[in-house]
């Protein structure tokens, strides 16, 4: 038997989640200049930079450039895997923000639209938006949280798209930097 959580407790949880997401965003944006230090950590550093870059909601931290550069330093397959996994976990902040705003959104007409869209097209939408570099994925992750899209499905679709994108970018970094150096005689 599933136990129902009282609405006042759920409202408190939602407010705390929203404050957590805002706090994470502020801390990451304030410390974005320290990204270079993570290069020394190797693959765990790549994971952390990608996670932090995606954990900021709406305010972008350009972690794909870091993935591109690290593709030339480390194994591009592993760089893509580390960056894609970190990127996916970072996106949970947008999902949680959407979940936290569900009570407010329930009152809006657009909520029903998001809910219907995510039920019918959620996996494909999340995968495609995660696959292409774009600033709109935060909105998709928020919509997923708003609509109550299953977390497991959200993570699978996001991970598949983000990891494939990160692998492509890491390999582009591997060949791009090598190619540019060969042009300069280096």
N, C-alpha and C. Protein backbone atom coordinates (compact mmCIF):
# COMPACT_ATOMS: atom_id res chain seq x y z
N UNK A 1 0.85 -1.18 0.00
CA UNK A 1 0.00 0.00 0.00
C UNK A 1 0.89 1.24 0.00
N UNK A 2 0.62 2.14 -0.93
CA UNK A 2 1.41 3.35 -1.06
C UNK A 2 0.90 4.39 -0.07
N UNK A 3 1.84 4.94 0.71
CA UNK A 3 1.47 5.93 1.71
C UNK A 3 1.49 7.32 1.09
N UNK A 4 0.45 8.06 1.28
CA UNK A 4 0.33 9.41 0.73
C UNK A 4 1.03 10.41 1.65
N UNK A 5 1.85 11.27 1.05
CA UNK A 5 2.55 12.30 1.81
C UNK A 5 1.62 13.50 1.93
N UNK A 6 1.46 14.04 3.15
CA UNK A 6 0.59 15.21 3.32
C UNK A 6 1.06 16.37 2.43
N UNK A 7 0.11 17.11 1.88
CA UNK A 7 0.43 18.17 0.91
C UNK A 7 1.31 19.26 1.51
N UNK A 8 1.17 19.56 2.81
CA UNK A 8 2.02 20.61 3.40
C UNK A 8 3.47 20.16 3.43
N UNK A 9 3.71 18.85 3.66
CA UNK A 9 5.08 18.34 3.64
C UNK A 9 5.63 18.32 2.22
N UNK A 10 4.78 17.94 1.28
CA UNK A 10 5.21 17.93 -0.12
C UNK A 10 5.53 19.35 -0.58
N UNK A 11 4.74 20.32 -0.15
CA UNK A 11 5.01 21.71 -0.50
C UNK A 11 6.35 22.16 0.08
N UNK A 12 6.64 21.76 1.30
CA UNK A 12 7.93 22.09 1.92
C UNK A 12 9.08 21.44 1.16
N UNK A 13 8.91 20.19 0.78
CA UNK A 13 9.94 19.49 0.00
C UNK A 13 10.17 20.22 -1.32
N UNK A 14 9.12 20.62 -1.97
CA UNK A 14 9.24 21.33 -3.25
C UNK A 14 9.97 22.66 -3.09
N UNK A 15 9.66 23.40 -2.05
CA UNK A 15 10.34 24.68 -1.80
C UNK A 15 11.82 24.43 -1.51
N UNK A 16 12.12 23.43 -0.70
CA UNK A 16 13.52 23.12 -0.39
C UNK A 16 14.28 22.67 -1.64
N UNK A 17 13.65 21.87 -2.50
CA UNK A 17 14.29 21.46 -3.75
C UNK A 17 14.58 22.66 -4.64
N UNK A 18 13.63 23.56 -4.73
CA UNK A 18 13.83 24.76 -5.55
C UNK A 18 14.97 25.61 -5.00
N UNK A 19 15.02 25.77 -3.69
CA UNK A 19 16.12 26.52 -3.07
C UNK A 19 17.46 25.83 -3.30
N UNK A 20 17.47 24.50 -3.25
CA UNK A 20 18.69 23.75 -3.51
C UNK A 20 19.18 23.98 -4.93
N UNK A 21 18.28 23.92 -5.90
CA UNK A 21 18.65 24.15 -7.30
C UNK A 21 19.19 25.56 -7.50
N UNK A 22 18.53 26.55 -6.93
CA UNK A 22 19.01 27.93 -7.04
C UNK A 22 20.38 28.07 -6.37
N UNK A 23 20.54 27.47 -5.20
CA UNK A 23 21.83 27.52 -4.51
C UNK A 23 22.95 26.88 -5.31
N UNK A 24 22.69 25.72 -5.90
CA UNK A 24 23.69 25.04 -6.73
C UNK A 24 24.08 25.93 -7.91
N UNK A 25 23.11 26.54 -8.55
CA UNK A 25 23.38 27.42 -9.69
C UNK A 25 24.25 28.59 -9.28
N UNK A 26 23.95 29.23 -8.17
CA UNK A 26 24.72 30.38 -7.71
C UNK A 26 26.17 29.97 -7.41
N UNK A 27 26.36 28.87 -6.70
CA UNK A 27 27.71 28.41 -6.35
C UNK A 27 28.52 28.08 -7.60
N UNK A 28 27.92 27.39 -8.55
CA UNK A 28 28.65 27.00 -9.77
C UNK A 28 29.01 28.22 -10.60
N UNK A 29 28.07 29.13 -10.79
CA UNK A 29 28.36 30.32 -11.59
C UNK A 29 29.43 31.17 -10.91
N UNK A 30 29.38 31.27 -9.61
CA UNK A 30 30.39 32.06 -8.89
C UNK A 30 31.78 31.45 -8.98
N UNK A 31 31.87 30.14 -9.17
CA UNK A 31 33.17 29.46 -9.20
C UNK A 31 33.56 28.94 -10.57
N UNK A 32 32.92 29.41 -11.62
CA UNK A 32 33.17 28.85 -12.95
C UNK A 32 34.60 29.08 -13.45
N UNK A 33 35.31 30.03 -12.91
CA UNK A 33 36.69 30.29 -13.34
C UNK A 33 37.66 29.23 -12.84
N UNK A 34 37.26 28.40 -11.93
CA UNK A 34 38.15 27.40 -11.35
C UNK A 34 38.12 26.07 -12.11
N UNK A 35 37.49 26.05 -13.27
CA UNK A 35 37.34 24.82 -14.06
C UNK A 35 38.70 24.22 -14.41
N UNK A 36 39.69 25.03 -14.69
CA UNK A 36 41.02 24.53 -15.06
C UNK A 36 41.58 23.56 -14.03
N UNK A 37 41.25 23.76 -12.77
CA UNK A 37 41.77 22.89 -11.72
C UNK A 37 41.26 21.45 -11.88
N UNK A 38 40.11 21.28 -12.50
CA UNK A 38 39.53 19.95 -12.66
C UNK A 38 40.26 19.13 -13.73
N UNK A 39 40.96 19.81 -14.61
CA UNK A 39 41.74 19.11 -15.63
C UNK A 39 42.74 18.16 -14.99
N UNK A 40 43.26 18.54 -13.86
CA UNK A 40 44.26 17.73 -13.16
C UNK A 40 43.67 16.44 -12.59
N UNK A 41 42.37 16.37 -12.46
CA UNK A 41 41.71 15.19 -11.90
C UNK A 41 41.44 14.11 -12.94
N UNK A 42 41.69 14.39 -14.22
CA UNK A 42 41.46 13.40 -15.27
C UNK A 42 39.98 13.18 -15.51
N UNK A 43 39.61 11.91 -15.69
CA UNK A 43 38.21 11.58 -16.01
C UNK A 43 37.23 12.01 -14.92
N UNK A 44 37.56 11.85 -13.63
CA UNK A 44 36.63 12.37 -12.61
C UNK A 44 36.46 13.89 -12.72
N UNK A 45 37.52 14.60 -13.11
CA UNK A 45 37.41 16.05 -13.32
C UNK A 45 36.49 16.39 -14.48
N UNK A 46 36.59 15.60 -15.56
CA UNK A 46 35.72 15.80 -16.72
C UNK A 46 34.26 15.57 -16.31
N UNK A 47 34.02 14.51 -15.55
CA UNK A 47 32.69 14.21 -15.03
C UNK A 47 32.17 15.40 -14.21
N UNK A 48 33.00 15.92 -13.30
CA UNK A 48 32.57 17.02 -12.42
C UNK A 48 32.28 18.30 -13.19
N UNK A 49 33.15 18.63 -14.16
CA UNK A 49 32.92 19.84 -14.95
C UNK A 49 31.60 19.73 -15.72
N UNK A 50 31.36 18.57 -16.33
CA UNK A 50 30.10 18.37 -17.07
C UNK A 50 28.89 18.42 -16.13
N UNK A 51 29.01 17.80 -14.97
CA UNK A 51 27.90 17.81 -14.01
C UNK A 51 27.61 19.24 -13.55
N UNK A 52 28.66 19.98 -13.24
CA UNK A 52 28.47 21.37 -12.80
C UNK A 52 27.93 22.23 -13.93
N UNK A 53 28.41 22.00 -15.15
CA UNK A 53 27.93 22.78 -16.28
C UNK A 53 26.46 22.58 -16.56
N UNK A 54 25.96 21.40 -16.30
CA UNK A 54 24.55 21.11 -16.54
C UNK A 54 23.68 21.37 -15.32
N UNK A 55 24.27 21.47 -14.16
CA UNK A 55 23.48 21.67 -12.94
C UNK A 55 22.96 23.08 -12.83
N UNK A 56 23.54 24.01 -13.58
CA UNK A 56 23.04 25.37 -13.54
C UNK A 56 21.80 25.43 -14.41
N UNK A 57 20.74 25.95 -13.86
CA UNK A 57 19.49 26.02 -14.60
C UNK A 57 19.42 27.39 -15.27
N UNK A 58 19.28 27.38 -16.57
CA UNK A 58 19.16 28.55 -17.44
C UNK A 58 20.50 29.27 -17.64
N UNK A 59 21.32 29.47 -16.62
CA UNK A 59 22.60 30.15 -16.77
C UNK A 59 23.65 29.14 -17.24
N UNK A 60 24.11 29.26 -18.50
CA UNK A 60 25.01 28.24 -19.04
C UNK A 60 26.45 28.36 -18.53
N UNK A 61 27.07 27.22 -18.31
CA UNK A 61 28.50 27.12 -18.03
C UNK A 61 29.03 26.27 -19.18
N UNK A 62 29.95 26.83 -19.99
CA UNK A 62 30.36 26.14 -21.23
C UNK A 62 31.27 24.95 -21.01
N UNK A 63 30.72 23.84 -20.64
CA UNK A 63 31.52 22.65 -20.37
C UNK A 63 31.85 21.86 -21.63
N UNK A 64 31.14 22.10 -22.72
CA UNK A 64 31.43 21.37 -23.96
C UNK A 64 32.80 21.74 -24.53
N UNK A 65 33.23 22.97 -24.33
CA UNK A 65 34.57 23.37 -24.77
C UNK A 65 35.63 22.59 -23.98
N UNK A 66 35.37 22.35 -22.72
CA UNK A 66 36.27 21.56 -21.88
C UNK A 66 36.31 20.11 -22.39
N UNK A 67 35.15 19.56 -22.73
CA UNK A 67 35.08 18.20 -23.28
C UNK A 67 35.87 18.12 -24.58
N UNK A 68 35.72 19.12 -25.43
CA UNK A 68 36.45 19.19 -26.70
C UNK A 68 37.97 19.16 -26.43
N UNK A 69 38.43 20.00 -25.53
CA UNK A 69 39.86 20.07 -25.22
C UNK A 69 40.37 18.78 -24.59
N UNK A 70 39.59 18.19 -23.70
CA UNK A 70 40.03 16.97 -23.02
C UNK A 70 40.04 15.77 -23.97
N UNK A 71 39.28 15.84 -25.06
CA UNK A 71 39.32 14.80 -26.08
C UNK A 71 40.69 14.67 -26.72
N UNK A 72 41.45 15.74 -26.68
CA UNK A 72 42.80 15.71 -27.24
C UNK A 72 43.83 15.27 -26.21
N UNK A 73 43.47 15.34 -24.94
CA UNK A 73 44.40 14.99 -23.86
C UNK A 73 44.23 13.54 -23.43
N UNK A 74 43.00 13.09 -23.33
CA UNK A 74 42.69 11.75 -22.84
C UNK A 74 42.01 10.92 -23.94
N UNK A 75 41.68 9.68 -23.64
CA UNK A 75 40.97 8.82 -24.57
C UNK A 75 39.59 9.42 -24.86
N UNK A 76 39.30 9.77 -26.14
CA UNK A 76 38.02 10.43 -26.46
C UNK A 76 36.78 9.61 -26.08
N UNK A 77 36.87 8.28 -26.17
CA UNK A 77 35.72 7.44 -25.77
C UNK A 77 35.41 7.63 -24.29
N UNK A 78 36.46 7.59 -23.47
CA UNK A 78 36.27 7.72 -22.02
C UNK A 78 35.91 9.15 -21.63
N UNK A 79 36.47 10.13 -22.35
CA UNK A 79 36.10 11.52 -22.10
C UNK A 79 34.59 11.69 -22.36
N UNK A 80 34.11 11.15 -23.49
CA UNK A 80 32.69 11.25 -23.81
C UNK A 80 31.81 10.56 -22.79
N UNK A 81 32.25 9.40 -22.33
CA UNK A 81 31.48 8.67 -21.31
C UNK A 81 31.43 9.45 -19.99
N UNK A 82 32.58 9.97 -19.57
CA UNK A 82 32.63 10.74 -18.31
C UNK A 82 31.79 12.02 -18.43
N UNK A 83 31.96 12.73 -19.55
CA UNK A 83 31.23 13.99 -19.73
C UNK A 83 29.73 13.74 -19.89
N UNK A 84 29.35 12.72 -20.65
CA UNK A 84 27.93 12.43 -20.84
C UNK A 84 27.24 12.02 -19.56
N UNK A 85 27.93 11.24 -18.74
CA UNK A 85 27.35 10.81 -17.47
C UNK A 85 27.23 11.99 -16.50
N UNK A 86 28.28 12.80 -16.42
CA UNK A 86 28.22 13.99 -15.56
C UNK A 86 27.16 14.96 -16.02
N UNK A 87 27.10 15.17 -17.32
CA UNK A 87 26.10 16.06 -17.91
C UNK A 87 24.69 15.60 -17.55
N UNK A 88 24.45 14.31 -17.63
CA UNK A 88 23.13 13.75 -17.31
C UNK A 88 22.76 13.97 -15.84
N UNK A 89 23.70 13.68 -14.96
CA UNK A 89 23.40 13.86 -13.54
C UNK A 89 23.19 15.33 -13.20
N UNK A 90 23.93 16.21 -13.86
CA UNK A 90 23.73 17.64 -13.65
C UNK A 90 22.36 18.11 -14.07
N UNK A 91 21.82 17.48 -15.10
CA UNK A 91 20.48 17.86 -15.59
C UNK A 91 19.37 17.54 -14.60
N UNK A 92 19.67 16.73 -13.61
CA UNK A 92 18.66 16.42 -12.59
C UNK A 92 18.23 17.68 -11.86
N UNK A 93 19.08 18.72 -11.83
CA UNK A 93 18.68 19.96 -11.16
C UNK A 93 17.48 20.60 -11.87
N UNK A 94 17.49 20.58 -13.20
CA UNK A 94 16.34 21.11 -13.94
C UNK A 94 15.09 20.28 -13.72
N UNK A 95 15.28 18.96 -13.72
CA UNK A 95 14.17 18.05 -13.48
C UNK A 95 13.57 18.32 -12.09
N UNK A 96 14.45 18.47 -11.09
CA UNK A 96 13.98 18.73 -9.73
C UNK A 96 13.30 20.10 -9.62
N UNK A 97 13.82 21.08 -10.37
CA UNK A 97 13.17 22.40 -10.37
C UNK A 97 11.76 22.28 -10.93
N UNK A 98 11.62 21.52 -12.00
CA UNK A 98 10.28 21.31 -12.57
C UNK A 98 9.37 20.61 -11.59
N UNK A 99 9.90 19.57 -10.93
CA UNK A 99 9.11 18.86 -9.92
C UNK A 99 8.70 19.81 -8.80
N UNK A 100 9.63 20.68 -8.39
CA UNK A 100 9.33 21.62 -7.30
C UNK A 100 8.26 22.62 -7.70
N UNK A 101 8.17 22.93 -8.97
CA UNK A 101 7.20 23.92 -9.43
C UNK A 101 5.87 23.30 -9.87
N UNK A 102 5.73 21.99 -9.72
CA UNK A 102 4.53 21.31 -10.22
C UNK A 102 3.25 21.87 -9.62
N UNK A 103 3.24 22.18 -8.33
CA UNK A 103 2.02 22.71 -7.72
C UNK A 103 1.59 24.02 -8.38
N UNK A 104 2.57 24.89 -8.66
CA UNK A 104 2.27 26.16 -9.32
C UNK A 104 1.81 25.90 -10.75
N UNK A 105 2.52 25.02 -11.43
CA UNK A 105 2.22 24.73 -12.84
C UNK A 105 0.86 24.05 -13.01
N UNK A 106 0.44 23.29 -12.02
CA UNK A 106 -0.86 22.60 -12.10
C UNK A 106 -1.99 23.58 -12.40
N UNK A 107 -1.81 24.79 -11.97
CA UNK A 107 -2.86 25.80 -12.15
C UNK A 107 -2.81 26.44 -13.53
N UNK A 108 -1.72 26.23 -14.26
CA UNK A 108 -1.56 26.85 -15.58
C UNK A 108 -2.03 25.91 -16.69
N UNK A 109 -2.56 26.48 -17.76
CA UNK A 109 -3.04 25.66 -18.88
C UNK A 109 -1.88 24.95 -19.57
N UNK A 110 -0.72 25.58 -19.60
CA UNK A 110 0.42 24.99 -20.31
C UNK A 110 0.89 23.69 -19.66
N UNK A 111 0.60 23.53 -18.39
CA UNK A 111 0.99 22.30 -17.69
C UNK A 111 0.42 21.07 -18.38
N UNK A 112 -0.86 21.13 -18.72
CA UNK A 112 -1.50 19.98 -19.38
C UNK A 112 -0.84 19.69 -20.73
N UNK A 113 -0.41 20.74 -21.41
CA UNK A 113 0.30 20.57 -22.68
C UNK A 113 1.62 19.83 -22.46
N UNK A 114 2.42 20.28 -21.48
CA UNK A 114 3.70 19.62 -21.17
C UNK A 114 3.48 18.17 -20.75
N UNK A 115 2.48 17.96 -19.93
CA UNK A 115 2.20 16.62 -19.44
C UNK A 115 1.85 15.68 -20.61
N UNK A 116 0.99 16.14 -21.48
CA UNK A 116 0.59 15.33 -22.64
C UNK A 116 1.78 15.09 -23.57
N UNK A 117 2.56 16.15 -23.84
CA UNK A 117 3.71 16.04 -24.72
C UNK A 117 4.72 15.04 -24.17
N UNK A 118 5.01 15.12 -22.88
CA UNK A 118 6.01 14.23 -22.28
C UNK A 118 5.51 12.79 -22.27
N UNK A 119 4.21 12.58 -22.05
CA UNK A 119 3.65 11.22 -22.09
C UNK A 119 3.79 10.61 -23.48
N UNK A 120 3.54 11.40 -24.52
CA UNK A 120 3.54 10.88 -25.88
C UNK A 120 4.91 10.88 -26.53
N UNK A 121 5.73 11.87 -26.24
CA UNK A 121 6.98 12.07 -26.97
C UNK A 121 8.20 12.26 -26.08
N UNK A 122 8.08 11.99 -24.81
CA UNK A 122 9.14 12.32 -23.86
C UNK A 122 10.49 11.71 -24.17
N UNK A 123 10.55 10.41 -24.40
CA UNK A 123 11.84 9.76 -24.65
C UNK A 123 12.55 10.32 -25.87
N UNK A 124 11.82 10.44 -26.97
CA UNK A 124 12.43 10.94 -28.21
C UNK A 124 12.82 12.40 -28.05
N UNK A 125 11.96 13.21 -27.47
CA UNK A 125 12.25 14.62 -27.28
C UNK A 125 13.49 14.81 -26.42
N UNK A 126 13.55 14.13 -25.30
CA UNK A 126 14.71 14.26 -24.41
C UNK A 126 15.99 13.79 -25.10
N UNK A 127 15.92 12.66 -25.80
CA UNK A 127 17.10 12.15 -26.50
C UNK A 127 17.60 13.15 -27.53
N UNK A 128 16.70 13.64 -28.39
CA UNK A 128 17.12 14.56 -29.46
C UNK A 128 17.62 15.89 -28.91
N UNK A 129 16.95 16.43 -27.92
CA UNK A 129 17.42 17.69 -27.33
C UNK A 129 18.74 17.51 -26.58
N UNK A 130 18.95 16.33 -26.01
CA UNK A 130 20.23 16.07 -25.33
C UNK A 130 21.35 15.86 -26.34
N UNK A 131 21.02 15.35 -27.51
CA UNK A 131 22.01 15.03 -28.53
C UNK A 131 22.61 16.26 -29.19
N UNK A 132 21.81 17.27 -29.39
CA UNK A 132 22.32 18.45 -30.08
C UNK A 132 22.69 19.54 -29.07
N UNK A 133 23.82 20.21 -29.30
CA UNK A 133 24.19 21.31 -28.39
C UNK A 133 23.17 22.44 -28.53
N UNK A 134 22.47 22.71 -27.48
CA UNK A 134 21.47 23.78 -27.50
C UNK A 134 21.19 24.24 -26.08
N UNK A 135 20.73 25.48 -25.95
CA UNK A 135 20.45 26.01 -24.61
C UNK A 135 19.07 25.64 -24.08
N UNK A 136 18.31 24.85 -24.84
CA UNK A 136 16.93 24.59 -24.46
C UNK A 136 16.73 23.31 -23.66
N UNK A 137 17.79 22.55 -23.44
CA UNK A 137 17.59 21.30 -22.72
C UNK A 137 17.13 21.55 -21.29
N UNK A 138 17.56 22.65 -20.68
CA UNK A 138 17.08 22.96 -19.33
C UNK A 138 15.56 23.04 -19.31
N UNK A 139 14.98 23.63 -20.35
CA UNK A 139 13.52 23.72 -20.42
C UNK A 139 12.89 22.34 -20.55
N UNK A 140 13.54 21.46 -21.31
CA UNK A 140 13.03 20.10 -21.46
C UNK A 140 13.11 19.34 -20.14
N UNK A 141 14.20 19.52 -19.41
CA UNK A 141 14.32 18.81 -18.13
C UNK A 141 13.31 19.37 -17.11
N UNK A 142 13.10 20.67 -17.14
CA UNK A 142 12.08 21.27 -16.26
C UNK A 142 10.70 20.73 -16.64
N UNK A 143 10.44 20.66 -17.95
CA UNK A 143 9.14 20.12 -18.41
C UNK A 143 8.97 18.68 -17.96
N UNK A 144 10.06 17.89 -18.00
CA UNK A 144 9.99 16.51 -17.54
C UNK A 144 9.61 16.42 -16.07
N UNK A 145 10.22 17.27 -15.26
CA UNK A 145 9.89 17.30 -13.83
C UNK A 145 8.48 17.79 -13.58
N UNK A 146 8.08 18.82 -14.34
CA UNK A 146 6.71 19.35 -14.20
C UNK A 146 5.66 18.29 -14.51
N UNK A 147 5.91 17.55 -15.57
CA UNK A 147 4.94 16.57 -16.04
C UNK A 147 5.00 15.26 -15.27
N UNK A 148 5.95 15.14 -14.37
CA UNK A 148 6.08 13.89 -13.62
C UNK A 148 6.59 12.76 -14.49
N UNK A 149 7.37 13.10 -15.53
CA UNK A 149 7.96 12.07 -16.39
C UNK A 149 8.83 11.16 -15.52
N UNK A 150 8.75 9.85 -15.68
CA UNK A 150 9.50 8.94 -14.81
C UNK A 150 11.01 9.23 -14.81
N UNK A 151 11.59 9.33 -13.64
CA UNK A 151 13.00 9.68 -13.50
C UNK A 151 13.89 8.70 -14.26
N UNK A 152 13.59 7.43 -14.17
CA UNK A 152 14.42 6.42 -14.84
C UNK A 152 14.45 6.65 -16.35
N UNK A 153 13.28 6.91 -16.94
CA UNK A 153 13.21 7.17 -18.37
C UNK A 153 13.92 8.48 -18.72
N UNK A 154 13.75 9.48 -17.86
CA UNK A 154 14.44 10.76 -18.06
C UNK A 154 15.95 10.55 -18.11
N UNK A 155 16.46 9.79 -17.15
CA UNK A 155 17.91 9.55 -17.08
C UNK A 155 18.42 8.75 -18.28
N UNK A 156 17.68 7.74 -18.70
CA UNK A 156 18.12 6.91 -19.83
C UNK A 156 18.16 7.72 -21.12
N UNK A 157 17.08 8.44 -21.43
CA UNK A 157 17.03 9.22 -22.67
C UNK A 157 18.07 10.34 -22.65
N UNK A 158 18.21 10.99 -21.51
CA UNK A 158 19.18 12.08 -21.39
C UNK A 158 20.60 11.54 -21.50
N UNK A 159 20.88 10.46 -20.80
CA UNK A 159 22.23 9.88 -20.84
C UNK A 159 22.60 9.45 -22.26
N UNK A 160 21.69 8.81 -22.96
CA UNK A 160 21.99 8.35 -24.32
C UNK A 160 22.33 9.53 -25.22
N UNK A 161 21.53 10.58 -25.19
CA UNK A 161 21.79 11.74 -26.03
C UNK A 161 23.02 12.51 -25.62
N UNK A 162 23.16 12.77 -24.33
CA UNK A 162 24.30 13.56 -23.83
C UNK A 162 25.61 12.82 -24.03
N UNK A 163 25.61 11.51 -23.83
CA UNK A 163 26.85 10.74 -23.97
C UNK A 163 27.27 10.66 -25.44
N UNK A 164 26.33 10.41 -26.31
CA UNK A 164 26.65 10.38 -27.74
C UNK A 164 27.21 11.74 -28.19
N UNK A 165 26.57 12.82 -27.75
CA UNK A 165 27.05 14.17 -28.08
C UNK A 165 28.46 14.39 -27.53
N UNK A 166 28.70 14.00 -26.29
CA UNK A 166 30.02 14.20 -25.66
C UNK A 166 31.10 13.38 -26.37
N UNK A 167 30.76 12.18 -26.80
CA UNK A 167 31.74 11.35 -27.53
C UNK A 167 32.09 12.02 -28.85
N UNK A 168 31.10 12.51 -29.56
CA UNK A 168 31.35 13.20 -30.83
C UNK A 168 32.22 14.44 -30.61
N UNK A 169 31.92 15.21 -29.57
CA UNK A 169 32.70 16.42 -29.28
C UNK A 169 34.12 16.07 -28.85
N UNK A 170 34.28 15.01 -28.06
CA UNK A 170 35.62 14.59 -27.63
C UNK A 170 36.45 14.14 -28.84
N UNK A 171 35.83 13.38 -29.74
CA UNK A 171 36.56 12.96 -30.94
C UNK A 171 36.86 14.15 -31.84
N UNK A 172 35.95 15.10 -31.91
CA UNK A 172 36.22 16.32 -32.68
C UNK A 172 37.40 17.06 -32.08
N UNK A 173 37.47 17.07 -30.75
CA UNK A 173 38.63 17.69 -30.08
C UNK A 173 39.91 16.94 -30.38
N UNK A 174 39.83 15.63 -30.39
CA UNK A 174 41.00 14.81 -30.68
C UNK A 174 41.53 15.09 -32.08
N UNK A 175 40.65 15.04 -33.06
CA UNK A 175 41.07 15.27 -34.44
C UNK A 175 41.24 16.76 -34.76
N UNK A 176 40.39 17.58 -34.18
CA UNK A 176 40.45 19.02 -34.46
C UNK A 176 41.73 19.65 -33.98
N UNK A 177 42.13 19.37 -32.75
CA UNK A 177 43.36 19.94 -32.21
C UNK A 177 44.56 19.37 -32.94
N UNK A 178 44.56 18.07 -33.22
CA UNK A 178 45.67 17.45 -33.94
C UNK A 178 45.78 18.04 -35.34
N UNK A 179 44.65 18.22 -36.01
CA UNK A 179 44.63 18.77 -37.35
C UNK A 179 45.13 20.21 -37.33
N UNK A 180 44.67 21.02 -36.36
CA UNK A 180 45.12 22.42 -36.29
C UNK A 180 46.62 22.50 -36.02
N UNK A 181 47.13 21.60 -35.17
CA UNK A 181 48.56 21.60 -34.90
C UNK A 181 49.36 21.22 -36.15
N UNK A 182 48.84 20.29 -36.95
CA UNK A 182 49.55 19.90 -38.18
C UNK A 182 49.58 21.04 -39.19
N UNK A 183 48.59 21.89 -39.19
CA UNK A 183 48.59 23.06 -40.09
C UNK A 183 49.69 24.03 -39.72
N UNK A 184 49.95 24.13 -38.41
CA UNK A 184 50.98 25.06 -37.94
C UNK A 184 52.36 24.44 -37.92
N UNK A 185 52.48 23.21 -38.38
CA UNK A 185 53.79 22.55 -38.38
C UNK A 185 54.15 21.95 -37.03
N UNK A 186 53.19 21.85 -36.08
CA UNK A 186 53.47 21.37 -34.73
C UNK A 186 53.22 19.97 -34.51
